[in-house]
Every structure is written in structure tokens, then in C-alpha cells.
Protein backbone atom coordinates (compact mmCIF):
# COMPACT_ATOMS: atom_id res chain seq x y z
CA MET A 1 -18.01 2.44 -24.89
CA PRO A 2 -17.64 0.77 -21.96
CA PRO A 3 -14.03 0.41 -19.88
CA GLU A 4 -11.77 -2.41 -19.69
CA ILE A 5 -12.39 -3.35 -16.16
CA CYS A 6 -15.36 -2.74 -13.79
CA PRO A 7 -15.71 -0.36 -11.50
CA ASN A 8 -17.38 -1.37 -9.63
CA CYS A 9 -16.22 -5.28 -9.52
CA GLY A 10 -13.14 -5.56 -11.19
CA ALA A 11 -13.69 -8.27 -13.71
CA ILE A 12 -11.99 -7.67 -17.10
CA LEU A 13 -14.47 -6.98 -19.67
CA PRO A 14 -15.38 -7.47 -23.19
CA PRO A 15 -14.70 -4.35 -26.06
CA THR A 16 -18.78 -5.18 -26.79
CA ALA A 17 -20.15 -5.48 -23.11
CA LYS A 18 -23.38 -3.53 -22.88
CA VAL A 19 -23.31 -4.57 -18.87
CA CYS A 20 -20.87 -6.28 -16.71
CA PRO A 21 -21.42 -9.81 -17.28
CA GLU A 22 -19.93 -10.53 -12.95
CA CYS A 23 -21.64 -7.67 -11.31
CA GLY A 24 -24.55 -5.88 -13.75
CA SER A 25 -22.86 -3.06 -13.73
CA ASP A 26 -23.84 -0.67 -16.34
CA GLU A 27 -23.70 3.04 -17.24
CA LYS A 28 -25.68 3.81 -15.30
CA THR A 29 -24.91 1.91 -12.47
CA GLY A 30 -21.28 1.96 -12.20
CA TRP A 31 -19.45 2.79 -16.07
CA SER A 32 -20.57 6.38 -15.63
CA GLU A 33 -18.36 9.09 -14.81
CA THR A 34 -18.90 9.67 -11.16
CA ALA A 35 -18.41 6.10 -10.31
CA TYR A 36 -15.05 6.21 -12.54
CA ALA A 37 -13.61 8.81 -11.13
CA SER A 38 -15.24 7.66 -7.40
CA SER A 39 -13.16 4.65 -8.10
CA LEU A 40 -9.42 6.14 -8.40
CA GLY A 41 -8.95 6.83 -4.62
CA LEU A 42 -8.34 10.76 -4.97
CA PRO A 43 -8.37 13.35 -2.36
CA ASP A 44 -12.02 15.00 -2.07
CA GLU A 45 -12.11 19.34 -2.03
CA ASN A 46 -12.11 18.59 1.91
CA PHE A 47 -8.09 16.98 1.71
CA ASN A 48 -5.61 18.92 3.97
CA TYR A 49 -2.38 18.27 2.11
CA ASP A 50 0.23 20.29 4.49
CA GLU A 51 -1.30 17.83 7.47
CA PHE A 52 -0.83 14.97 5.32
CA VAL A 53 2.74 15.92 4.66
CA LYS A 54 3.28 16.74 8.44
CA GLU A 55 2.08 13.21 9.43
CA GLU A 56 3.56 11.08 6.51
CA PHE A 57 7.10 12.96 6.40
CA ASN A 58 7.68 14.52 9.87
CA PRO A 59 10.94 14.13 10.92
CA SER A 60 10.91 13.98 14.10
CA LEU A 61 8.66 11.04 14.65
CA ALA A 62 10.68 8.65 12.76
CA ARG A 63 13.65 8.25 14.68
CA PRO A 64 16.09 5.47 13.76
CA ARG A 65 16.49 2.73 15.96
CA GLY A 66 19.80 0.69 17.59
CA ILE A 67 20.34 -2.73 17.44
CA HIS A 68 19.06 -3.94 20.44
CA TRP A 69 21.67 -4.61 23.96
CA LEU A 70 20.27 -8.48 23.63
CA TRP A 71 21.64 -8.72 20.04
CA TRP A 72 25.06 -6.78 21.04
CA LEU A 73 25.49 -9.42 23.69
CA THR A 74 24.48 -12.97 21.26
CA ALA A 75 27.21 -11.43 18.89
CA LEU A 76 29.91 -11.24 21.85
CA ILE A 77 29.03 -14.30 22.88
CA LEU A 78 29.42 -15.96 19.97
CA VAL A 79 32.87 -14.07 19.15
CA ILE A 80 34.08 -15.30 22.31
CA LEU A 81 33.22 -18.88 21.46
CA PHE A 82 34.54 -18.77 18.04
CA LEU A 83 37.81 -17.31 19.13
CA ILE A 84 37.82 -20.16 21.62
CA PHE A 85 37.48 -22.83 19.50
CA CYS A 86 39.61 -21.63 17.04
CA LEU A 87 42.62 -20.29 19.68
CA HIS A 88 42.94 -24.07 20.74
């Protein structure tokens, strides 16, 4: 039984398809368990989970930044202009 979506090109397959109508993949070239599992994007045996967590979630790399001084100056000028026009 073929998969619902071709693992090779992503085309939708009819339930009785022997080959993909778009790319021509079949069980020998693209529907085998190896081809299907390789398209899942799972990590291989050499994947280092601890290194991945360190790179992705290292708190020392993610420092929040404040608002740039130019935006503070712009806001201050707008407040001053607002007060000048409202008080006259």
C-alpha cells in the first residue's frame, strides 16, 4: 500500500497508485521504509543532544536588549511637542 503523500516529491497519491504520477517514485526508489524514514528529518546516531540544548537554550547568549536611545529621544520630542500644542 503506498503512502498518502509521496516521500520523494510531496505529491498526493491515489490509494491504488503503483508509482507517483508526479515524479515516478515507487516502492523500490522512494516508498521503502528507508526512504520514508529518511524523509522524516530525525537526528542520526551521531546527534549530540546535550550540545544541541546548549546551543539552542544557552541563557548567556540570549540577552534582552533595551530600546535604542534614538527611540527614547523620538518619544521625548513627541511628548514635548504634544505638551506645547495642548497647552496653547
